[in-house]
Amino acid sequence: MWSSGASTLLERAAAKIVANFNAGIRTWALIRRNHYQSIYDTAVANIQYLVDKKGRLNEREMKMKPEQRTALSAIVFALTPGTTTGKNNLSVFSHTNGGHAIISCELKQKQINAFDYGRGNPIIGSEKSKNSYSLFDFGTSNHIDLKINGTKFTGFDFESNTHFSGSIEGNSISLYDYAGEEIHEFSILSQSSVIVK
C-alpha cells in the first residue's frame, strides 16, 4: 500500500505528465497550422503575382525571357540541316531588343552542347527521336522541348510554361512566343567553325 503522501506525489506527477502531453499536442497542432498557413500564404502570393487586378494572367511573367529566346534561336539554327557543321560560335542579333549574343553550339552524334556567353551558362540536350530534342537550360534550371521539321520548328518552354514556334530562312530566325503573342526576329551575323577532334 502506498502512503497517502506517496499517492499524492504520484497523482501530481501523473497530472503533470498528462498536462505536458496535452500541451505538446496543442503545440504540435499550432506548428502544423502555421506550417500549412505559410504554404497557403505563399501560394496566394504567387497567384496574385501572376494575376493582375482584372483576373487575367500577367503575360509579362509567363512569356519566355529575351536571353533565352536568343539562345534558343542559335540552337535551332545549329540543328537545322545544312546550316552548320561541327562546333560553331554563333553571333546572334535580336531585332526585338537590339542586342546581340555569342552562343557556341556543338553537335556530336545525338548530343547537343551549347554555351550562352552572355548569361554564362550551358544548355545541353539530346535527340529523343528523329528531329525531336530535349534541352536543359542551366540559366533557368528548366527543360525545353524542341521539334524541327525542315525549316519549321515548334516547342515548349517549361520555365515559362508556354509554347513557341517559328521558322528559318537563310540566316534569319523567326520565333513566335504564344504567351506574349509576339513574334521575335533574330539574325545570325557570323559563325566561326571549330574543328572537333
C-alpha atoms as a PDB file:
ATOM      1  CA  MET A   1       0.000   0.000   0.000  1.00  0.00           C
ATOM      2  CA  TRP A   2       1.183   3.450  -0.868  1.00  0.00           C
ATOM      3  CA  SER A   3       1.149   6.031   1.877  1.00  0.00           C
ATOM      4  CA  SER A   4      -1.137   8.989   1.414  1.00  0.00           C
ATOM      5  CA  GLY A   5       1.891  11.232   0.824  1.00  0.00           C
ATOM      6  CA  ALA A   6       3.312   8.947  -1.847  1.00  0.00           C
ATOM      7  CA  SER A   7      -0.054   8.653  -3.542  1.00  0.00           C
ATOM      8  CA  THR A   8      -0.334  12.430  -3.658  1.00  0.00           C
ATOM      9  CA  LEU A   9       3.125  12.713  -5.242  1.00  0.00           C
ATOM     10  CA  LEU A  10       2.239  10.077  -7.831  1.00  0.00           C
ATOM     11  CA  GLU A  11      -1.026  11.828  -8.655  1.00  0.00           C
ATOM     12  CA  ARG A  12       0.777  15.147  -9.069  1.00  0.00           C
ATOM     13  CA  ALA A  13       3.432  13.543 -11.282  1.00  0.00           C
ATOM     14  CA  ALA A  14       0.788  11.842 -13.411  1.00  0.00           C
ATOM     15  CA  ALA A  15      -1.171  15.070 -13.696  1.00  0.00           C
ATOM     16  CA  LYS A  16       1.982  16.911 -14.801  1.00  0.00           C
ATOM     17  CA  ILE A  17       2.761  14.263 -17.409  1.00  0.00           C
ATOM     18  CA  VAL A  18      -0.789  14.485 -18.781  1.00  0.00           C
ATOM     19  CA  ALA A  19      -0.622  18.291 -18.790  1.00  0.00           C
ATOM     20  CA  ASN A  20       2.710  18.259 -20.634  1.00  0.00           C
ATOM     21  CA  PHE A  21       1.374  15.717 -23.109  1.00  0.00           C
ATOM     22  CA  ASN A  22      -1.709  17.840 -23.807  1.00  0.00           C
ATOM     23  CA  ALA A  23       0.468  20.938 -24.144  1.00  0.00           C
ATOM     24  CA  GLY A  24       2.671  19.056 -26.586  1.00  0.00           C
ATOM     25  CA  ILE A  25      -0.335  18.112 -28.693  1.00  0.00           C
ATOM     26  CA  ARG A  26      -1.545  21.722 -28.725  1.00  0.00           C
ATOM     27  CA  THR A  27       1.942  22.947 -29.670  1.00  0.00           C
ATOM     28  CA  TRP A  28       2.213  20.401 -32.496  1.00  0.00           C
ATOM     29  CA  ALA A  29      -1.229  21.365 -33.772  1.00  0.00           C
ATOM     30  CA  LEU A  30      -0.193  25.016 -33.735  1.00  0.00           C
ATOM     31  CA  ILE A  31       3.019  24.239 -35.619  1.00  0.00           C
ATOM     32  CA  ARG A  32       1.120  22.257 -38.233  1.00  0.00           C
ATOM     33  CA  ARG A  33      -1.475  25.007 -38.616  1.00  0.00           C
ATOM     34  CA  ASN A  34       1.217  27.658 -39.013  1.00  0.00           C
ATOM     35  CA  HIS A  35       3.100  25.430 -41.476  1.00  0.00           C
ATOM     36  CA  TYR A  36       0.076  24.932 -43.711  1.00  0.00           C
ATOM     37  CA  GLN A  37      -0.881  28.581 -43.323  1.00  0.00           C
ATOM     38  CA  SER A  38       2.597  29.519 -44.540  1.00  0.00           C
ATOM     39  CA  ILE A  39       2.216  27.233 -47.565  1.00  0.00           C
ATOM     40  CA  TYR A  40      -1.221  28.721 -48.256  1.00  0.00           C
ATOM     41  CA  ASP A  41       0.059  32.306 -47.940  1.00  0.00           C
ATOM     42  CA  THR A  42       2.950  31.545 -50.328  1.00  0.00           C
ATOM     43  CA  ALA A  43       0.592  30.011 -52.882  1.00  0.00           C
ATOM     44  CA  VAL A  44      -1.767  33.004 -52.685  1.00  0.00           C
ATOM     45  CA  ALA A  45       1.156  35.412 -53.080  1.00  0.00           C
ATOM     46  CA  ASN A  46       2.372  33.534 -56.159  1.00  0.00           C
ATOM     47  CA  ILE A  47      -1.094  33.567 -57.703  1.00  0.00           C
ATOM     48  CA  GLN A  48      -1.512  37.283 -57.001  1.00  0.00           C
ATOM     49  CA  TYR A  49       1.907  37.870 -58.580  1.00  0.00           C
ATOM     50  CA  LEU A  50       0.832  36.111 -61.775  1.00  0.00           C
ATOM     51  CA  VAL A  51      -2.699  37.509 -61.982  1.00  0.00           C
ATOM     52  CA  ASP A  52      -3.500  41.179 -62.440  1.00  0.00           C
ATOM     53  CA  LYS A  53      -6.331  43.112 -60.795  1.00  0.00           C
ATOM     54  CA  LYS A  54      -8.772  42.156 -63.546  1.00  0.00           C
ATOM     55  CA  GLY A  55      -8.184  38.464 -63.008  1.00  0.00           C
ATOM     56  CA  ARG A  56      -6.058  37.971 -66.129  1.00  0.00           C
ATOM     57  CA  LEU A  57      -2.736  36.183 -66.261  1.00  0.00           C
ATOM     58  CA  ASN A  58       0.192  38.573 -66.120  1.00  0.00           C
ATOM     59  CA  GLU A  59       1.730  37.779 -69.501  1.00  0.00           C
ATOM     60  CA  ARG A  60       4.913  39.633 -68.663  1.00  0.00           C
ATOM     61  CA  GLU A  61       5.743  36.888 -66.186  1.00  0.00           C
ATOM     62  CA  MET A  62       4.579  33.986 -68.366  1.00  0.00           C
ATOM     63  CA  LYS A  63       6.445  34.562 -71.621  1.00  0.00           C
ATOM     64  CA  MET A  64       9.985  33.403 -72.334  1.00  0.00           C
ATOM     65  CA  LYS A  65      12.938  35.511 -71.198  1.00  0.00           C
ATOM     66  CA  PRO A  66      14.625  37.533 -74.010  1.00  0.00           C
ATOM     67  CA  GLU A  67      18.054  35.964 -73.427  1.00  0.00           C
ATOM     68  CA  GLN A  68      16.522  32.505 -73.537  1.00  0.00           C
ATOM     69  CA  ARG A  69      14.817  33.206 -76.867  1.00  0.00           C
ATOM     70  CA  THR A  70      18.122  34.421 -78.312  1.00  0.00           C
ATOM     71  CA  ALA A  71      19.978  31.292 -77.202  1.00  0.00           C
ATOM     72  CA  LEU A  72      17.180  29.074 -78.472  1.00  0.00           C
ATOM     73  CA  SER A  73      17.286  30.730 -81.903  1.00  0.00           C
ATOM     74  CA  ALA A  74      21.001  29.892 -82.164  1.00  0.00           C
ATOM     75  CA  ILE A  75      20.396  26.268 -81.180  1.00  0.00           C
ATOM     76  CA  VAL A  76      17.556  25.953 -83.686  1.00  0.00           C
ATOM     77  CA  PHE A  77      19.823  27.402 -86.370  1.00  0.00           C
ATOM     78  CA  ALA A  78      22.584  24.935 -85.474  1.00  0.00           C
ATOM     79  CA  LEU A  79      20.174  21.979 -85.559  1.00  0.00           C
ATOM     80  CA  THR A  80      18.614  22.877 -88.904  1.00  0.00           C
ATOM     81  CA  PRO A  81      20.091  20.695 -91.685  1.00  0.00           C
ATOM     82  CA  GLY A  82      22.625  22.449 -93.902  1.00  0.00           C
ATOM     83  CA  THR A  83      23.334  25.440 -91.633  1.00  0.00           C
ATOM     84  CA  THR A  84      26.352  24.451 -89.533  1.00  0.00           C
ATOM     85  CA  THR A  85      28.857  21.631 -89.051  1.00  0.00           C
ATOM     86  CA  GLY A  86      30.828  20.549 -86.012  1.00  0.00           C
ATOM     87  CA  LYS A  87      31.194  23.255 -83.386  1.00  0.00           C
ATOM     88  CA  ASN A  88      30.289  26.860 -84.114  1.00  0.00           C
ATOM     89  CA  ASN A  89      30.396  30.158 -82.269  1.00  0.00           C
ATOM     90  CA  LEU A  90      27.302  31.994 -83.473  1.00  0.00           C
ATOM     91  CA  SER A  91      26.841  35.744 -83.217  1.00  0.00           C
ATOM     92  CA  VAL A  92      23.080  36.289 -82.887  1.00  0.00           C
ATOM     93  CA  PHE A  93      21.371  39.662 -83.256  1.00  0.00           C
ATOM     94  CA  SER A  94      17.945  40.193 -81.691  1.00  0.00           C
ATOM     95  CA  HIS A  95      15.756  42.631 -83.636  1.00  0.00           C
ATOM     96  CA  THR A  96      13.415  42.794 -80.619  1.00  0.00           C
ATOM     97  CA  ASN A  97      15.813  44.348 -78.112  1.00  0.00           C
ATOM     98  CA  GLY A  98      18.627  45.406 -80.444  1.00  0.00           C
ATOM     99  CA  GLY A  99      21.283  43.357 -78.672  1.00  0.00           C
ATOM    100  CA  HIS A 100      23.479  40.501 -79.766  1.00  0.00           C
ATOM    101  CA  ALA A 101      24.889  37.421 -78.070  1.00  0.00           C
ATOM    102  CA  ILE A 102      27.570  34.823 -78.725  1.00  0.00           C
ATOM    103  CA  ILE A 103      26.316  31.250 -78.469  1.00  0.00           C
ATOM    104  CA  SER A 104      28.564  28.246 -79.054  1.00  0.00           C
ATOM    105  CA  CYS A 105      26.868  25.096 -80.348  1.00  0.00           C
ATOM    106  CA  GLU A 106      28.449  21.678 -80.626  1.00  0.00           C
ATOM    107  CA  LEU A 107      26.564  18.801 -82.217  1.00  0.00           C
ATOM    108  CA  LYS A 108      28.164  15.423 -81.709  1.00  0.00           C
ATOM    109  CA  GLN A 109      26.257  12.270 -82.543  1.00  0.00           C
ATOM    110  CA  LYS A 110      22.873  12.884 -80.862  1.00  0.00           C
ATOM    111  CA  GLN A 111      24.171  15.195 -78.126  1.00  0.00           C
ATOM    112  CA  ILE A 112      23.813  18.986 -78.034  1.00  0.00           C
ATOM    113  CA  ASN A 113      26.264  21.127 -76.084  1.00  0.00           C
ATOM    114  CA  ALA A 114      25.688  24.872 -76.217  1.00  0.00           C
ATOM    115  CA  PHE A 115      27.031  27.742 -74.142  1.00  0.00           C
ATOM    116  CA  ASP A 116      25.468  31.183 -73.740  1.00  0.00           C
ATOM    117  CA  TYR A 117      28.379  33.560 -73.145  1.00  0.00           C
ATOM    118  CA  GLY A 118      26.040  36.438 -72.295  1.00  0.00           C
ATOM    119  CA  ARG A 119      24.357  34.600 -69.432  1.00  0.00           C
ATOM    120  CA  GLY A 120      27.411  32.467 -68.663  1.00  0.00           C
ATOM    121  CA  ASN A 121      25.601  29.143 -68.611  1.00  0.00           C
ATOM    122  CA  PRO A 122      25.422  25.951 -70.679  1.00  0.00           C
ATOM    123  CA  ILE A 123      22.431  24.479 -72.453  1.00  0.00           C
ATOM    124  CA  ILE A 124      22.654  20.759 -73.050  1.00  0.00           C
ATOM    125  CA  GLY A 125      20.378  18.187 -74.596  1.00  0.00           C
ATOM    126  CA  SER A 126      19.897  15.136 -76.729  1.00  0.00           C
ATOM    127  CA  GLU A 127      17.745  13.868 -79.567  1.00  0.00           C
ATOM    128  CA  LYS A 128      14.780  11.921 -78.142  1.00  0.00           C
ATOM    129  CA  SER A 129      13.511  10.789 -81.520  1.00  0.00           C
ATOM    130  CA  LYS A 130      14.003  11.870 -85.119  1.00  0.00           C
ATOM    131  CA  ASN A 131      14.222  15.709 -85.155  1.00  0.00           C
ATOM    132  CA  SER A 132      12.795  15.872 -81.619  1.00  0.00           C
ATOM    133  CA  TYR A 133      15.056  17.207 -78.856  1.00  0.00           C
ATOM    134  CA  SER A 134      15.042  17.582 -75.089  1.00  0.00           C
ATOM    135  CA  LEU A 135      17.121  20.524 -73.833  1.00  0.00           C
ATOM    136  CA  PHE A 136      18.059  21.698 -70.349  1.00  0.00           C
ATOM    137  CA  ASP A 137      18.840  25.389 -69.820  1.00  0.00           C
ATOM    138  CA  PHE A 138      21.071  25.877 -66.776  1.00  0.00           C
ATOM    139  CA  GLY A 139      20.214  29.597 -66.799  1.00  0.00           C
ATOM    140  CA  THR A 140      16.592  28.897 -65.904  1.00  0.00           C
ATOM    141  CA  SER A 141      17.114  25.375 -64.481  1.00  0.00           C
ATOM    142  CA  ASN A 142      14.310  24.113 -66.698  1.00  0.00           C
ATOM    143  CA  HIS A 143      13.696  21.885 -69.685  1.00  0.00           C
ATOM    144  CA  ILE A 144      12.779  22.852 -73.232  1.00  0.00           C
ATOM    145  CA  ASP A 145      11.177  20.500 -75.737  1.00  0.00           C
ATOM    146  CA  LEU A 146      12.047  21.234 -79.369  1.00  0.00           C
ATOM    147  CA  LYS A 147      10.967  19.678 -82.652  1.00  0.00           C
ATOM    148  CA  ILE A 148      12.362  20.681 -86.043  1.00  0.00           C
ATOM    149  CA  ASN A 149      10.669  19.858 -89.328  1.00  0.00           C
ATOM    150  CA  GLY A 150      12.720  21.201 -92.217  1.00  0.00           C
ATOM    151  CA  THR A 151      12.858  24.967 -91.754  1.00  0.00           C
ATOM    152  CA  LYS A 152       9.950  24.987 -89.274  1.00  0.00           C
ATOM    153  CA  PHE A 153      10.163  24.342 -85.549  1.00  0.00           C
ATOM    154  CA  THR A 154       7.845  24.053 -82.546  1.00  0.00           C
ATOM    155  CA  GLY A 155       8.444  23.537 -78.853  1.00  0.00           C
ATOM    156  CA  PHE A 156       7.521  24.057 -75.229  1.00  0.00           C
ATOM    157  CA  ASP A 157       9.393  26.009 -72.558  1.00  0.00           C
ATOM    158  CA  PHE A 158       8.810  24.576 -69.084  1.00  0.00           C
ATOM    159  CA  GLU A 159      10.213  27.642 -67.300  1.00  0.00           C
ATOM    160  CA  SER A 160       7.525  29.987 -68.636  1.00  0.00           C
ATOM    161  CA  ASN A 161       5.021  27.172 -69.276  1.00  0.00           C
ATOM    162  CA  THR A 162       4.458  28.341 -72.839  1.00  0.00           C
ATOM    163  CA  HIS A 163       4.541  27.014 -76.399  1.00  0.00           C
ATOM    164  CA  PHE A 164       6.605  28.549 -79.171  1.00  0.00           C
ATOM    165  CA  SER A 165       7.032  28.030 -82.896  1.00  0.00           C
ATOM    166  CA  GLY A 166       8.952  29.552 -85.738  1.00  0.00           C
ATOM    167  CA  SER A 167      10.834  29.230 -88.975  1.00  0.00           C
ATOM    168  CA  ILE A 168      14.267  29.728 -90.507  1.00  0.00           C
ATOM    169  CA  GLU A 169      15.049  31.409 -93.804  1.00  0.00           C
ATOM    170  CA  GLY A 170      18.735  31.683 -94.623  1.00  0.00           C
ATOM    171  CA  ASN A 171      20.403  33.331 -91.622  1.00  0.00           C
ATOM    172  CA  SER A 172      17.126  34.686 -90.241  1.00  0.00           C
ATOM    173  CA  ILE A 173      15.079  33.061 -87.477  1.00  0.00           C
ATOM    174  CA  SER A 174      11.510  33.999 -86.596  1.00  0.00           C
ATOM    175  CA  LEU A 175      10.181  32.850 -83.208  1.00  0.00           C
ATOM    176  CA  TYR A 176       6.581  33.219 -82.029  1.00  0.00           C
ATOM    177  CA  ASP A 177       6.005  33.218 -78.246  1.00  0.00           C
ATOM    178  CA  TYR A 178       2.399  32.107 -77.666  1.00  0.00           C
ATOM    179  CA  ALA A 179       2.178  33.524 -74.122  1.00  0.00           C
ATOM    180  CA  GLY A 180       3.199  37.023 -75.133  1.00  0.00           C
ATOM    181  CA  GLU A 181       1.558  36.687 -78.559  1.00  0.00           C
ATOM    182  CA  GLU A 182       4.697  38.234 -80.045  1.00  0.00           C
ATOM    183  CA  ILE A 183       6.960  37.473 -82.989  1.00  0.00           C
ATOM    184  CA  HIS A 184      10.688  37.835 -82.341  1.00  0.00           C
ATOM    185  CA  GLU A 185      13.178  38.116 -85.178  1.00  0.00           C
ATOM    186  CA  PHE A 186      16.834  37.068 -84.989  1.00  0.00           C
ATOM    187  CA  SER A 187      19.744  37.135 -87.429  1.00  0.00           C
ATOM    188  CA  ILE A 188      22.928  35.069 -87.432  1.00  0.00           C
ATOM    189  CA  LEU A 189      25.536  37.743 -88.136  1.00  0.00           C
ATOM    190  CA  SER A 190      28.550  35.455 -88.232  1.00  0.00           C
ATOM    191  CA  GLN A 191      29.730  31.978 -87.377  1.00  0.00           C
ATOM    192  CA  SER A 192      33.218  30.642 -86.809  1.00  0.00           C
ATOM    193  CA  SER A 193      33.674  26.909 -87.160  1.00  0.00           C
ATOM    194  CA  VAL A 194      35.902  24.984 -84.793  1.00  0.00           C
ATOM    195  CA  ILE A 195      37.255  21.588 -85.807  1.00  0.00           C
ATOM    196  CA  VAL A 196      36.087  18.917 -83.414  1.00  0.00           C
ATOM    197  CA  LYS A 197      38.756  16.267 -82.857  1.00  0.00           C
END
